[in-house]
Amino acid sequence: MFSLASPAFKTQDLTEALDEGENRRVTLKFTALPIPEVEWRLNDSLVKGVQIDSSHSSTTLHIENADRAKHAGKYSVTLRNSVGIVTTTVTVKVTGEK
């Protein structure tokens, strides 16, 4: 029998610095049982137009052709399962010019 586990991030409160036009994958590792629902938000709105992949132990935000207006800001990442809920942040800074 498996023990239930509230979600917990192995990686927390990251800051990523990118140049305009750069590609980057931002991965957060976690533990949880059952596998949690994952929600990414940027400045309090659900993230749209960006690929997000999640597995049983990590979630990855794919930033392609980084753009200050579209990608920079404070992302909140929430994990939720039947045992609990946890949130962390990822700050993305985009500098330079294309």
Protein backbone atom coordinates (compact mmCIF):
# COMPACT_ATOMS: atom_id res chain seq x y z
CA MET A 1 0.00 0.00 0.00
CA PHE A 2 1.18 3.51 -0.84
CA SER A 3 1.37 6.33 1.67
CA LEU A 4 -0.37 9.52 0.66
CA ALA A 5 1.85 12.60 0.57
CA SER A 6 1.03 16.27 0.42
CA PRO A 7 2.76 18.06 -2.48
CA ALA A 8 6.21 19.48 -1.70
CA PHE A 9 8.58 21.30 -4.03
CA LYS A 10 12.23 20.16 -4.14
CA THR A 11 13.04 23.45 -5.89
CA GLN A 12 11.52 26.71 -4.64
CA ASP A 13 11.52 30.44 -5.30
CA LEU A 14 13.70 30.47 -8.41
CA THR A 15 14.88 33.48 -10.37
CA GLU A 16 15.72 33.01 -14.05
CA ALA A 17 17.47 35.68 -16.14
CA LEU A 18 17.11 35.44 -19.91
CA ASP A 19 18.16 37.57 -22.85
CA GLU A 20 15.55 38.65 -25.40
CA GLY A 21 15.13 35.86 -27.96
CA GLU A 22 16.63 33.15 -25.73
CA ASN A 23 15.03 29.73 -25.25
CA ARG A 24 14.87 28.29 -21.73
CA ARG A 25 13.23 25.43 -19.87
CA VAL A 26 12.40 26.14 -16.25
CA THR A 27 11.87 22.91 -14.31
CA LEU A 28 10.57 22.50 -10.77
CA LYS A 29 10.86 19.10 -9.13
CA PHE A 30 8.40 17.92 -6.51
CA THR A 31 7.05 14.97 -4.56
CA ALA A 32 3.38 14.10 -4.06
CA LEU A 33 1.02 11.13 -3.94
CA PRO A 34 -1.40 11.08 -5.60
CA ILE A 35 0.08 12.99 -8.55
CA PRO A 36 -1.00 16.62 -8.16
CA GLU A 37 -2.77 19.00 -10.51
CA VAL A 38 -0.28 21.68 -11.60
CA GLU A 39 -1.20 25.30 -12.25
CA TRP A 40 1.15 28.01 -13.57
CA ARG A 41 0.11 31.68 -13.28
CA LEU A 42 1.89 34.80 -14.49
CA ASN A 43 1.06 37.99 -12.59
CA ASP A 44 -2.15 36.31 -11.29
CA SER A 45 -3.43 35.12 -14.72
CA LEU A 46 -3.31 31.53 -15.99
CA VAL A 47 -0.31 31.07 -18.30
CA LYS A 48 -1.37 30.83 -21.94
CA GLY A 49 0.55 30.44 -25.18
CA VAL A 50 3.51 28.74 -23.50
CA GLN A 51 4.16 25.01 -23.38
CA ILE A 52 4.01 23.43 -19.93
CA ASP A 53 4.84 19.77 -19.37
CA SER A 54 4.20 18.00 -16.10
CA SER A 55 5.00 14.49 -14.92
CA HIS A 56 4.65 12.61 -11.63
CA SER A 57 7.73 14.41 -10.21
CA SER A 58 8.33 17.66 -12.13
CA THR A 59 6.77 20.48 -14.09
CA THR A 60 8.51 22.43 -16.87
CA LEU A 61 7.74 25.80 -18.44
CA HIS A 62 9.15 26.10 -21.99
CA ILE A 63 10.02 29.68 -22.94
CA GLU A 64 10.84 30.10 -26.62
CA ASN A 65 12.09 33.34 -28.10
CA ALA A 66 11.96 35.17 -24.76
CA ASP A 67 10.08 38.43 -24.91
CA ARG A 68 10.02 40.91 -22.03
CA ALA A 69 6.36 41.81 -22.59
CA LYS A 70 5.17 38.19 -22.80
CA HIS A 71 7.45 36.21 -20.49
CA ALA A 72 8.90 38.48 -17.80
CA GLY A 73 7.28 38.61 -14.37
CA LYS A 74 6.49 36.58 -11.31
CA TYR A 75 5.06 33.12 -11.96
CA SER A 76 3.26 31.26 -9.21
CA VAL A 77 3.21 27.48 -9.46
CA THR A 78 0.62 25.59 -7.44
CA LEU A 79 0.46 21.84 -6.80
CA ARG A 80 -2.83 20.44 -5.54
CA ASN A 81 -3.86 16.90 -4.63
CA SER A 82 -6.33 15.30 -2.23
CA VAL A 83 -3.85 15.61 0.65
CA GLY A 84 -2.77 19.23 0.29
CA ILE A 85 -1.76 22.28 -1.68
CA VAL A 86 1.52 24.18 -2.02
CA THR A 87 2.68 27.17 -4.06
CA THR A 88 6.10 28.52 -5.00
CA THR A 89 7.30 31.31 -7.27
CA VAL A 90 9.54 31.65 -10.30
CA THR A 91 10.68 35.15 -11.23
CA VAL A 92 11.64 35.52 -14.89
CA LYS A 93 13.70 38.53 -15.94
CA VAL A 94 14.16 39.21 -19.65
CA THR A 95 16.92 41.67 -20.57
CA GLY A 96 18.62 42.95 -23.68
CA GLU A 97 17.20 43.52 -27.12
CA LYS A 98 16.45 41.22 -30.02
